[in-house]
Amino acid sequence: MHESNGVPMTQQDRITAVRPPEARTEPAVRLVDVRKHYPGTPPVEALRGVSLELPSGSLTAVMGPSGSGKSTLLNVAAGLDVASSGQVLVSGTDIAGLAPDPLTRFRRDHVGFVFQAYNLIGHLDVRGNVELPLVLGGRRADAGRVEELLAAVGLTGMERRLPSALSGGQAQRVAIARALVTRPAVLFADEPTGALDSRTGAEVLALLRDTARRLGQTVVLVTHDARVAAQAQRVVFLADGLVVDDMSAPTVERIAARMLGLQR
């Protein structure tokens, strides 16, 4: 067990020690009339003027029917895709106006992203995968911080395992730790429990929820599962590239009813 000032640390203490909450006044993410078009005949309007604010330290789920624009919204907000027009502000920086190289650097330092498919590097062990964003940014990894982060996601003792030796839930935990290692302003997750069984998915979801609550971390996730979305503080519904509803204190029943209405 690790100690701090001679006092043994509990598992919850480890989570808090990874990254103390920071006082922030501006929204973690702010979208202003964001539009995204893809070429075609006719062009595809994936986002048609989305305006949205996500407070720091919040856990928000994004839902909508297939083709509603939810994955596009996540990718544009995270800087993985570029908006056709509008403002995309992450911690006050308009990333929609950044050139490719500055955008890459900003995303690497300020944005975490968790993919459904984990996207771990097969020849790197757990520690190497977690430290990768720091290595790519030319930064030296703090061994103590990495250890605390691995403890926070329940991977203590697995540092030298390769991805091939991990379960799906363990691999997703590595992906979450990797996304958090740079202390990002926002953690985005695209269907983070979609490839997991229900029990493992619930464990990963609880980890994301604890991350938002205990670390003051802003988390935005896309999901099609009402049970997952019900764990969020807020659910944003998209349809045809527009925000059509915004639900606070969501429940599985309310979410399911709203989704049914959007699919009619």
Protein backbone atom coordinates (compact mmCIF):
# COMPACT_ATOMS: atom_id res chain seq x y z
CA MET A 1 0.00 0.00 0.00
CA HIS A 2 1.35 3.45 -0.93
CA GLU A 3 1.74 6.08 1.77
CA SER A 4 1.40 9.85 1.80
CA ASN A 5 3.18 11.67 4.66
CA GLY A 6 3.39 8.35 6.46
CA VAL A 7 -0.36 7.71 6.32
CA PRO A 8 -1.53 4.61 4.37
CA MET A 9 -3.62 5.43 1.29
CA THR A 10 -6.92 3.72 0.55
CA GLN A 11 -8.13 2.89 -2.98
CA GLN A 12 -10.34 6.01 -2.99
CA ASP A 13 -7.39 8.12 -1.79
CA ARG A 14 -5.39 6.85 -4.77
CA ILE A 15 -8.09 7.95 -7.17
CA THR A 16 -8.15 11.42 -5.62
CA ALA A 17 -4.35 11.64 -5.59
CA VAL A 18 -4.08 11.14 -9.34
CA ARG A 19 -5.47 14.54 -10.19
CA PRO A 20 -7.06 16.88 -7.64
CA PRO A 21 -10.07 18.79 -8.91
CA GLU A 22 -9.22 22.20 -10.38
CA ALA A 23 -11.43 25.25 -10.14
CA ARG A 24 -12.54 26.25 -13.64
CA THR A 25 -15.06 28.88 -14.54
CA GLU A 26 -15.39 28.48 -18.30
CA PRO A 27 -17.21 25.47 -19.80
CA ALA A 28 -14.95 22.53 -20.55
CA VAL A 29 -16.50 22.32 -24.04
CA ARG A 30 -18.51 24.96 -25.88
CA LEU A 31 -19.88 24.51 -29.39
CA VAL A 32 -21.31 27.53 -31.21
CA ASP A 33 -23.37 26.92 -34.39
CA VAL A 34 -21.14 24.01 -35.39
CA ARG A 35 -21.75 22.53 -38.82
CA LYS A 36 -20.08 19.59 -40.52
CA HIS A 37 -20.56 18.70 -44.16
CA TYR A 38 -19.12 15.76 -46.06
CA PRO A 39 -18.75 15.88 -49.85
CA GLY A 40 -21.16 13.88 -51.96
CA THR A 41 -24.10 14.21 -54.31
CA PRO A 42 -25.83 15.72 -52.49
CA PRO A 43 -23.41 16.70 -49.66
CA VAL A 44 -24.07 15.03 -46.31
CA GLU A 45 -24.93 17.42 -43.48
CA ALA A 46 -23.80 15.52 -40.41
CA LEU A 47 -24.13 18.51 -38.05
CA ARG A 48 -26.52 21.35 -38.90
CA GLY A 49 -25.82 24.12 -36.41
CA VAL A 50 -25.13 22.58 -33.00
CA SER A 51 -24.68 24.88 -30.01
CA LEU A 52 -23.88 23.25 -26.68
CA GLU A 53 -22.06 23.92 -23.41
CA LEU A 54 -20.62 21.20 -21.16
CA PRO A 55 -19.55 22.30 -17.66
CA SER A 56 -16.21 21.30 -16.18
CA GLY A 57 -16.38 18.19 -14.02
CA SER A 58 -19.59 16.94 -15.63
CA LEU A 59 -20.48 13.52 -17.06
CA THR A 60 -22.59 13.89 -20.21
CA ALA A 61 -23.99 11.16 -22.46
CA VAL A 62 -24.78 11.80 -26.12
CA MET A 63 -27.52 9.68 -27.70
CA GLY A 64 -29.50 9.54 -30.91
CA PRO A 65 -30.67 7.23 -33.69
CA SER A 66 -28.17 5.81 -36.17
CA GLY A 67 -26.99 8.58 -38.47
CA SER A 68 -28.03 11.34 -36.07
CA GLY A 69 -24.51 12.83 -35.94
CA LYS A 70 -23.49 11.78 -32.42
CA SER A 71 -20.11 10.26 -33.39
CA THR A 72 -19.42 13.24 -35.67
CA LEU A 73 -20.21 15.55 -32.76
CA LEU A 74 -17.78 13.68 -30.51
CA ASN A 75 -15.02 13.67 -33.14
CA VAL A 76 -15.41 17.38 -33.92
CA ALA A 77 -15.51 18.33 -30.22
CA ALA A 78 -12.37 16.25 -29.58
CA GLY A 79 -10.49 17.70 -32.56
CA LEU A 80 -10.30 14.36 -34.38
CA ASP A 81 -12.35 15.92 -37.19
CA VAL A 82 -12.61 19.57 -38.24
CA ALA A 83 -15.87 21.49 -38.26
CA SER A 84 -16.97 22.99 -41.58
CA SER A 85 -18.01 26.15 -39.71
CA GLY A 86 -18.72 27.40 -36.21
CA GLN A 87 -16.66 27.50 -33.01
CA VAL A 88 -15.39 24.52 -31.03
CA LEU A 89 -13.92 25.72 -27.76
CA VAL A 90 -12.11 23.35 -25.40
CA SER A 91 -11.08 25.08 -22.15
CA GLY A 92 -11.51 28.39 -23.92
CA THR A 93 -9.36 27.56 -26.97
CA ASP A 94 -11.14 27.57 -30.34
CA ILE A 95 -9.70 24.41 -31.86
CA ALA A 96 -11.78 24.88 -35.03
CA GLY A 97 -9.40 27.70 -35.98
CA LEU A 98 -6.15 25.84 -35.35
CA ALA A 99 -3.83 24.68 -38.13
CA PRO A 100 -3.18 20.89 -38.27
CA ASP A 101 0.10 20.85 -36.30
CA PRO A 102 -1.06 23.10 -33.43
CA LEU A 103 -4.33 21.14 -33.34
CA THR A 104 -2.43 17.87 -32.98
CA ARG A 105 -0.34 19.28 -30.13
CA PHE A 106 -3.38 20.74 -28.38
CA ARG A 107 -5.32 17.50 -28.69
CA ARG A 108 -2.38 15.47 -27.39
CA ASP A 109 -1.98 17.68 -24.31
CA HIS A 110 -5.57 18.66 -23.48
CA VAL A 111 -7.92 15.98 -24.83
CA GLY A 112 -8.29 12.33 -23.87
CA PHE A 113 -10.14 9.88 -26.12
CA VAL A 114 -11.30 6.33 -25.36
CA PHE A 115 -12.31 4.20 -28.34
CA GLN A 116 -14.63 1.20 -28.31
CA ALA A 117 -11.85 -0.91 -29.87
CA TYR A 118 -9.27 0.18 -27.20
CA ASN A 119 -6.58 0.92 -29.88
CA LEU A 120 -3.73 -0.35 -27.70
CA ILE A 121 -0.27 -0.90 -29.22
CA GLY A 122 0.29 -4.65 -29.31
CA HIS A 123 4.06 -4.69 -28.68
CA LEU A 124 3.88 -2.26 -25.75
CA ASP A 125 3.03 -3.48 -22.25
CA VAL A 126 0.41 -1.84 -20.04
CA ARG A 127 2.81 0.80 -18.69
CA GLY A 128 4.15 1.53 -22.17
CA ASN A 129 0.64 2.04 -23.54
CA VAL A 130 -0.30 4.36 -20.68
CA GLU A 131 2.88 6.43 -21.07
CA LEU A 132 2.61 6.64 -24.87
CA PRO A 133 0.95 10.10 -25.09
CA LEU A 134 3.73 11.54 -22.93
CA VAL A 135 6.43 9.88 -25.04
CA LEU A 136 4.88 11.19 -28.26
CA GLY A 137 4.80 14.67 -26.72
CA GLY A 138 8.47 14.50 -25.76
CA ARG A 139 7.66 14.49 -22.06
CA ARG A 140 9.16 12.28 -19.37
CA ALA A 141 6.66 10.10 -17.54
CA ASP A 142 6.43 10.56 -13.78
CA ALA A 143 6.72 6.99 -12.47
CA GLY A 144 4.84 7.79 -9.28
CA ARG A 145 1.94 9.38 -11.13
CA VAL A 146 1.71 6.46 -13.56
CA GLU A 147 1.62 4.02 -10.65
CA GLU A 148 -1.15 5.97 -8.93
CA LEU A 149 -3.09 6.16 -12.18
CA LEU A 150 -2.80 2.40 -12.73
CA ALA A 151 -3.98 1.87 -9.15
CA ALA A 152 -6.92 4.20 -9.75
CA VAL A 153 -8.14 2.08 -12.68
CA GLY A 154 -7.47 -1.22 -10.93
CA LEU A 155 -4.38 -2.34 -12.87
CA THR A 156 -1.76 -2.56 -10.12
CA GLY A 157 0.50 -5.55 -10.77
CA MET A 158 -0.34 -5.73 -14.49
CA GLU A 159 2.22 -3.15 -15.65
CA ARG A 160 4.27 -5.60 -17.74
CA ARG A 161 1.40 -7.46 -19.40
CA LEU A 162 0.95 -7.13 -23.13
CA PRO A 163 -2.50 -6.30 -24.55
CA SER A 164 -2.86 -9.89 -25.78
CA ALA A 165 -2.82 -11.06 -22.15
CA LEU A 166 -5.61 -8.72 -21.04
CA SER A 167 -9.36 -9.20 -20.87
CA GLY A 168 -11.60 -6.73 -22.66
CA GLY A 169 -12.35 -4.89 -19.44
CA GLN A 170 -8.66 -4.68 -18.52
CA ALA A 171 -7.78 -3.40 -21.99
CA GLN A 172 -10.42 -0.67 -21.72
CA ARG A 173 -9.03 0.31 -18.32
CA VAL A 174 -5.60 0.70 -19.92
CA ALA A 175 -7.20 2.89 -22.59
CA ILE A 176 -8.82 5.05 -19.90
CA ALA A 177 -5.55 5.40 -17.98
CA ARG A 178 -3.76 6.34 -21.22
CA ALA A 179 -6.42 8.97 -21.94
CA LEU A 180 -5.97 10.46 -18.45
CA VAL A 181 -2.17 10.47 -18.23
CA THR A 182 -1.79 13.96 -19.76
CA ARG A 183 -4.36 15.42 -17.31
CA PRO A 184 -6.74 16.34 -20.15
CA ALA A 185 -9.34 19.06 -19.92
CA VAL A 186 -11.92 16.64 -21.33
CA LEU A 187 -12.14 12.87 -21.67
CA PHE A 188 -14.21 11.75 -24.67
CA ALA A 189 -15.40 8.14 -24.97
CA ASP A 190 -17.03 6.60 -28.05
CA GLU A 191 -19.19 3.61 -27.03
CA PRO A 192 -16.65 2.69 -24.30
CA THR A 193 -18.72 -0.28 -23.09
CA GLY A 194 -20.01 -1.41 -26.49
CA ALA A 195 -17.56 -4.31 -26.90
CA LEU A 196 -17.86 -5.52 -23.30
CA ASP A 197 -20.23 -7.91 -21.55
CA SER A 198 -22.79 -6.31 -19.25
CA ARG A 199 -20.87 -6.90 -16.00
CA THR A 200 -17.53 -5.63 -17.33
CA GLY A 201 -19.27 -2.74 -19.04
CA ALA A 202 -20.86 -1.73 -15.73
CA GLU A 203 -17.43 -1.78 -14.06
CA VAL A 204 -15.90 0.42 -16.77
CA LEU A 205 -18.86 2.80 -16.60
CA ALA A 206 -18.48 3.06 -12.81
CA LEU A 207 -14.82 3.92 -13.36
CA LEU A 208 -15.73 6.72 -15.76
CA ARG A 209 -18.37 8.00 -13.35
CA ASP A 210 -15.87 7.99 -10.46
CA THR A 211 -13.36 9.76 -12.69
CA ALA A 212 -15.80 12.59 -13.30
CA ARG A 213 -16.82 12.86 -9.64
CA ARG A 214 -13.58 12.34 -7.71
CA LEU A 215 -11.03 13.81 -10.11
CA GLY A 216 -13.07 16.78 -11.27
CA GLN A 217 -12.71 15.34 -14.79
CA THR A 218 -15.09 16.30 -17.59
CA VAL A 219 -16.33 13.17 -19.39
CA VAL A 220 -18.40 13.06 -22.59
CA LEU A 221 -19.50 9.69 -23.92
CA VAL A 222 -21.50 8.47 -26.88
CA THR A 223 -23.71 5.45 -26.20
CA HIS A 224 -26.74 3.66 -27.61
CA ASP A 225 -27.48 1.99 -24.24
CA ALA A 226 -30.09 3.68 -22.03
CA ARG A 227 -28.64 1.94 -18.96
CA VAL A 228 -25.25 3.52 -19.64
CA ALA A 229 -26.69 6.96 -20.37
CA ALA A 230 -28.75 6.86 -17.16
CA GLN A 231 -25.52 6.94 -15.15
CA ALA A 232 -24.69 10.37 -16.57
CA GLN A 233 -25.74 13.68 -15.02
CA ARG A 234 -27.12 14.81 -18.35
CA VAL A 235 -28.15 13.29 -21.67
CA VAL A 236 -28.02 15.26 -24.92
CA PHE A 237 -30.17 13.84 -27.74
CA LEU A 238 -29.34 14.34 -31.42
CA ALA A 239 -31.47 13.75 -34.50
CA ASP A 240 -30.66 14.70 -38.09
CA GLY A 241 -27.57 16.63 -37.02
CA LEU A 242 -29.36 18.80 -34.46
CA VAL A 243 -29.70 18.81 -30.68
CA VAL A 244 -33.36 18.02 -30.12
CA ASP A 245 -33.49 17.43 -26.36
CA ASP A 246 -31.41 17.88 -23.22
CA MET A 247 -32.32 15.74 -20.19
CA SER A 248 -31.10 16.28 -16.62
CA ALA A 249 -31.38 13.62 -13.89
CA PRO A 250 -32.02 10.93 -16.53
CA THR A 251 -33.56 7.52 -15.85
CA VAL A 252 -33.57 4.42 -18.02
CA GLU A 253 -37.33 4.71 -18.54
CA ARG A 254 -37.24 8.40 -19.56
CA ILE A 255 -34.30 7.84 -21.90
CA ALA A 256 -35.92 4.80 -23.54
CA ALA A 257 -39.16 6.72 -24.08
CA ARG A 258 -37.34 9.64 -25.64
CA MET A 259 -35.30 7.41 -27.94
CA LEU A 260 -38.47 5.61 -29.02
CA GLY A 261 -40.00 8.96 -29.96
CA LEU A 262 -36.94 9.90 -32.03
CA GLN A 263 -37.02 6.64 -33.98
CA ARG A 264 -40.65 6.97 -35.09
